[in-house]
Amino acid sequence: MKREKLAAVFFGVVTALGLAASAGAVDGTIEINQAKVQANGGFPYKITSSGSYRLTGNLTAPANSDGINVTAANVTIDLNGFSITGPGGSSGFYDGIDASGQSDVTVENGTLTGFGTGVQLGSLGIARNLHADANGMGIVAGNNTVIEGCTANNSTATGGDGIRCAAGCAISGNTATGNPNYGIACSSLVGGVRDLR
């Protein structure tokens, strides 16, 4: 009888641990997809805690909304090859990812299109391997940000730059074409080129 009770308790604990593990990614990364955004109250999806986040599917944001708002520092968002898409011409001041008030935010490995700005980063951020195409502005970053391996093409705003960065940015391996203002416009660049069209 004692063995049966012990076995039942052990099985219950193992089952509970298994269910808890399946709720998030094995590596502790929080997964984001369209269904999860809707289950959490809809757009914008809010990141309020430091940590790692990863898309597991494409996101499509409605008009008059950002895709993702980041209100914590030390966040990494891996788009994981997926896209965040806004409504296009009516996107106004809305962003694919808005982390403009935060430091140490990394956004990488995916596409942002159809927003007022594809990605906005604060200071000490990293934008890596992004395609920010057909937004009002492509990538806008604060001081001492790294922008590498990105494309920022076909901005739609009248003064739209592909990449706009504040002072002390390191920019390498990017392509910015078809933008009405500058392809790359920064206060100062480290290892880069100033004001390419």
Protein backbone atom coordinates (compact mmCIF):
# COMPACT_ATOMS: atom_id res chain seq x y z
CA MET A 1 0.00 0.00 0.00
CA LYS A 2 2.82 2.43 0.90
CA ARG A 3 4.59 1.59 -2.35
CA GLU A 4 1.45 2.34 -4.37
CA LYS A 5 1.00 5.72 -2.66
CA LEU A 6 4.67 6.58 -3.16
CA ALA A 7 4.46 5.59 -6.82
CA ALA A 8 1.33 7.71 -7.28
CA VAL A 9 2.99 10.74 -5.67
CA PHE A 10 6.13 10.27 -7.79
CA PHE A 11 4.06 9.95 -10.98
CA GLY A 12 2.09 13.09 -10.06
CA VAL A 13 5.26 15.11 -9.48
CA VAL A 14 6.83 13.94 -12.76
CA THR A 15 3.63 14.77 -14.65
CA ALA A 16 3.43 18.26 -13.11
CA LEU A 17 7.07 18.97 -13.95
CA GLY A 18 6.53 17.80 -17.51
CA LEU A 19 3.53 20.08 -17.96
CA ALA A 20 5.42 23.05 -16.52
CA ALA A 21 8.35 22.46 -18.87
CA SER A 22 6.10 22.28 -21.93
CA ALA A 23 4.57 25.72 -21.19
CA GLY A 24 7.76 27.53 -22.26
CA ALA A 25 10.85 26.81 -24.27
CA VAL A 26 13.31 24.31 -22.86
CA ASP A 27 16.08 26.92 -22.68
CA GLY A 28 14.01 29.43 -20.67
CA THR A 29 13.25 31.60 -23.70
CA ILE A 30 9.69 32.95 -23.81
CA GLU A 31 7.95 32.08 -27.06
CA ILE A 32 5.73 34.56 -28.92
CA ASN A 33 3.23 33.86 -31.69
CA GLN A 34 -0.07 35.29 -32.91
CA ALA A 35 -2.19 33.04 -30.69
CA LYS A 36 -0.19 33.96 -27.58
CA VAL A 37 -0.47 37.68 -28.36
CA GLN A 38 -4.25 37.37 -28.71
CA ALA A 39 -4.48 35.31 -25.50
CA ASN A 40 -2.58 38.06 -23.65
CA GLY A 41 -4.95 40.86 -24.62
CA GLY A 42 -3.89 41.52 -28.22
CA PHE A 43 -1.44 44.01 -29.71
CA PRO A 44 0.91 45.43 -28.82
CA TYR A 45 2.56 42.44 -27.16
CA LYS A 46 4.22 43.84 -24.02
CA ILE A 47 7.64 42.74 -22.80
CA THR A 48 7.95 43.97 -19.22
CA SER A 49 10.74 41.73 -17.89
CA SER A 50 14.38 41.24 -18.85
CA GLY A 51 15.15 38.00 -20.62
CA SER A 52 15.09 36.17 -23.95
CA TYR A 53 12.08 36.07 -26.27
CA ARG A 54 11.65 34.19 -29.54
CA LEU A 55 9.00 34.24 -32.25
CA THR A 56 7.58 30.86 -33.22
CA GLY A 57 5.42 32.26 -36.01
CA ASN A 58 4.66 35.43 -37.95
CA LEU A 59 2.86 38.31 -36.22
CA THR A 60 0.35 40.56 -38.00
CA ALA A 61 -0.54 43.72 -36.08
CA PRO A 62 -3.74 45.69 -36.75
CA ALA A 63 -3.90 49.38 -37.66
CA ASN A 64 -3.02 51.88 -34.93
CA SER A 65 -0.90 49.50 -32.90
CA ASP A 66 2.75 48.62 -32.36
CA GLY A 67 3.73 45.01 -32.82
CA ILE A 68 5.85 44.64 -29.65
CA ASN A 69 6.50 47.19 -26.88
CA VAL A 70 9.55 46.68 -24.68
CA THR A 71 9.51 48.36 -21.27
CA ALA A 72 12.46 46.54 -19.68
CA ALA A 73 16.22 46.70 -20.25
CA ASN A 74 18.40 43.66 -21.05
CA VAL A 75 16.02 41.99 -23.47
CA THR A 76 16.82 39.83 -26.50
CA ILE A 77 14.15 39.29 -29.16
CA ASP A 78 14.98 36.63 -31.74
CA LEU A 79 12.54 36.88 -34.63
CA ASN A 80 13.74 33.40 -35.56
CA GLY A 81 13.30 33.98 -39.29
CA PHE A 82 9.70 35.18 -38.93
CA SER A 83 8.13 38.56 -39.68
CA ILE A 84 6.14 41.22 -37.87
CA THR A 85 3.82 42.93 -40.33
CA GLY A 86 1.83 46.13 -39.87
CA PRO A 87 -1.00 47.57 -41.96
CA GLY A 88 1.22 49.57 -44.32
CA GLY A 89 0.26 53.07 -45.39
CA SER A 90 -1.97 53.77 -42.36
CA SER A 91 0.75 52.83 -39.86
CA GLY A 92 1.53 56.43 -38.79
CA PHE A 93 3.64 56.55 -35.63
CA TYR A 94 3.39 52.86 -34.78
CA ASP A 95 6.42 50.58 -34.61
CA GLY A 96 7.10 46.95 -35.35
CA ILE A 97 9.19 46.84 -32.17
CA ASP A 98 9.43 49.85 -29.87
CA ALA A 99 12.25 49.62 -27.34
CA SER A 100 13.22 53.29 -27.66
CA GLY A 101 13.20 54.02 -23.93
CA GLN A 102 15.29 51.01 -22.91
CA SER A 103 18.99 50.08 -22.99
CA ASP A 104 20.69 46.81 -23.90
CA VAL A 105 17.94 45.48 -26.15
CA THR A 106 18.85 43.14 -29.01
CA VAL A 107 16.53 42.46 -31.96
CA GLU A 108 17.69 39.96 -34.56
CA ASN A 109 16.96 37.49 -37.34
CA GLY A 110 13.73 38.51 -39.04
CA THR A 111 11.61 40.97 -41.01
CA LEU A 112 9.62 44.05 -40.00
CA THR A 113 7.40 45.71 -42.58
CA GLY A 114 4.41 48.03 -42.84
CA PHE A 115 4.98 50.20 -39.73
CA GLY A 116 5.83 53.85 -39.06
CA THR A 117 9.25 52.55 -37.93
CA GLY A 118 10.37 48.95 -38.23
CA VAL A 119 12.52 48.90 -35.08
CA GLN A 120 13.27 51.59 -32.49
CA LEU A 121 16.09 50.89 -30.05
CA GLY A 122 17.42 52.91 -27.13
CA SER A 123 21.08 53.14 -26.17
CA LEU A 124 23.52 50.22 -26.21
CA GLY A 125 21.20 48.13 -28.36
CA ILE A 126 21.92 45.66 -31.15
CA ALA A 127 20.03 45.26 -34.43
CA ARG A 128 21.37 42.21 -36.25
CA ASN A 129 20.28 40.39 -39.41
CA LEU A 130 17.03 42.32 -39.79
CA HIS A 131 15.07 43.21 -42.90
CA ALA A 132 13.25 46.48 -42.18
CA ASP A 133 11.55 47.09 -45.50
CA ALA A 134 8.66 49.35 -46.61
CA ASN A 135 8.23 51.07 -43.25
CA GLY A 136 8.04 54.84 -42.81
CA MET A 137 11.59 54.55 -41.37
CA GLY A 138 13.58 51.32 -41.21
CA ILE A 139 15.76 51.15 -38.08
CA VAL A 140 16.10 53.99 -35.55
CA ALA A 141 18.64 53.56 -32.75
CA GLY A 142 20.02 55.44 -29.76
CA ASN A 143 23.61 56.11 -28.70
CA ASN A 144 26.28 53.42 -28.91
CA THR A 145 24.15 50.92 -30.77
CA VAL A 146 25.45 48.16 -33.06
CA ILE A 147 23.66 47.67 -36.37
CA GLU A 148 25.01 44.83 -38.47
CA GLY A 149 23.93 42.68 -41.37
CA CYS A 150 20.60 44.49 -41.84
CA THR A 151 18.66 45.72 -44.85
CA ALA A 152 16.56 48.87 -44.53
CA ASN A 153 14.96 49.58 -47.89
CA ASN A 154 12.09 51.51 -49.46
CA SER A 155 11.11 53.72 -46.52
CA THR A 156 7.79 55.45 -47.20
CA ALA A 157 7.88 58.58 -44.97
CA THR A 158 8.76 61.87 -46.66
CA GLY A 159 11.94 62.22 -44.58
CA GLY A 160 12.34 58.48 -44.14
CA ASP A 161 15.83 57.08 -43.60
CA GLY A 162 16.71 53.44 -43.94
CA ILE A 163 18.87 53.54 -40.80
CA ARG A 164 19.03 56.48 -38.40
CA CYS A 165 21.37 56.31 -35.43
CA ALA A 166 22.49 58.68 -32.69
CA ALA A 167 26.14 59.14 -31.63
CA GLY A 168 28.73 56.41 -31.32
CA CYS A 169 27.04 53.71 -33.37
CA ALA A 170 28.96 50.85 -34.97
CA ILE A 171 27.46 49.97 -38.34
CA SER A 172 28.71 47.19 -40.61
CA GLY A 173 27.49 45.01 -43.45
CA ASN A 174 24.18 46.79 -43.99
CA THR A 175 22.26 47.65 -47.17
CA ALA A 176 19.94 50.66 -47.39
CA THR A 177 18.42 51.53 -50.77
CA GLY A 178 15.31 53.21 -52.14
CA ASN A 179 14.84 55.50 -49.15
CA PRO A 180 13.53 59.05 -49.79
CA ASN A 181 16.01 60.69 -47.40
CA TYR A 182 19.25 58.96 -46.32
CA GLY A 183 20.09 55.31 -46.51
CA ILE A 184 22.24 55.60 -43.37
CA ALA A 185 22.21 58.78 -41.28
CA CYS A 186 24.02 58.96 -37.95
CA SER A 187 25.49 61.58 -35.67
CA SER A 188 28.75 59.65 -35.76
CA LEU A 189 29.81 56.20 -36.92
CA VAL A 190 32.49 53.80 -35.81
CA GLY A 191 33.84 51.79 -38.73
CA GLY A 192 31.03 52.90 -41.00
CA VAL A 193 30.07 55.50 -43.57
CA ARG A 194 28.15 58.69 -42.90
CA ASP A 195 24.97 59.66 -44.73
CA LEU A 196 24.72 57.12 -47.55
CA ARG A 197 21.80 57.42 -49.91
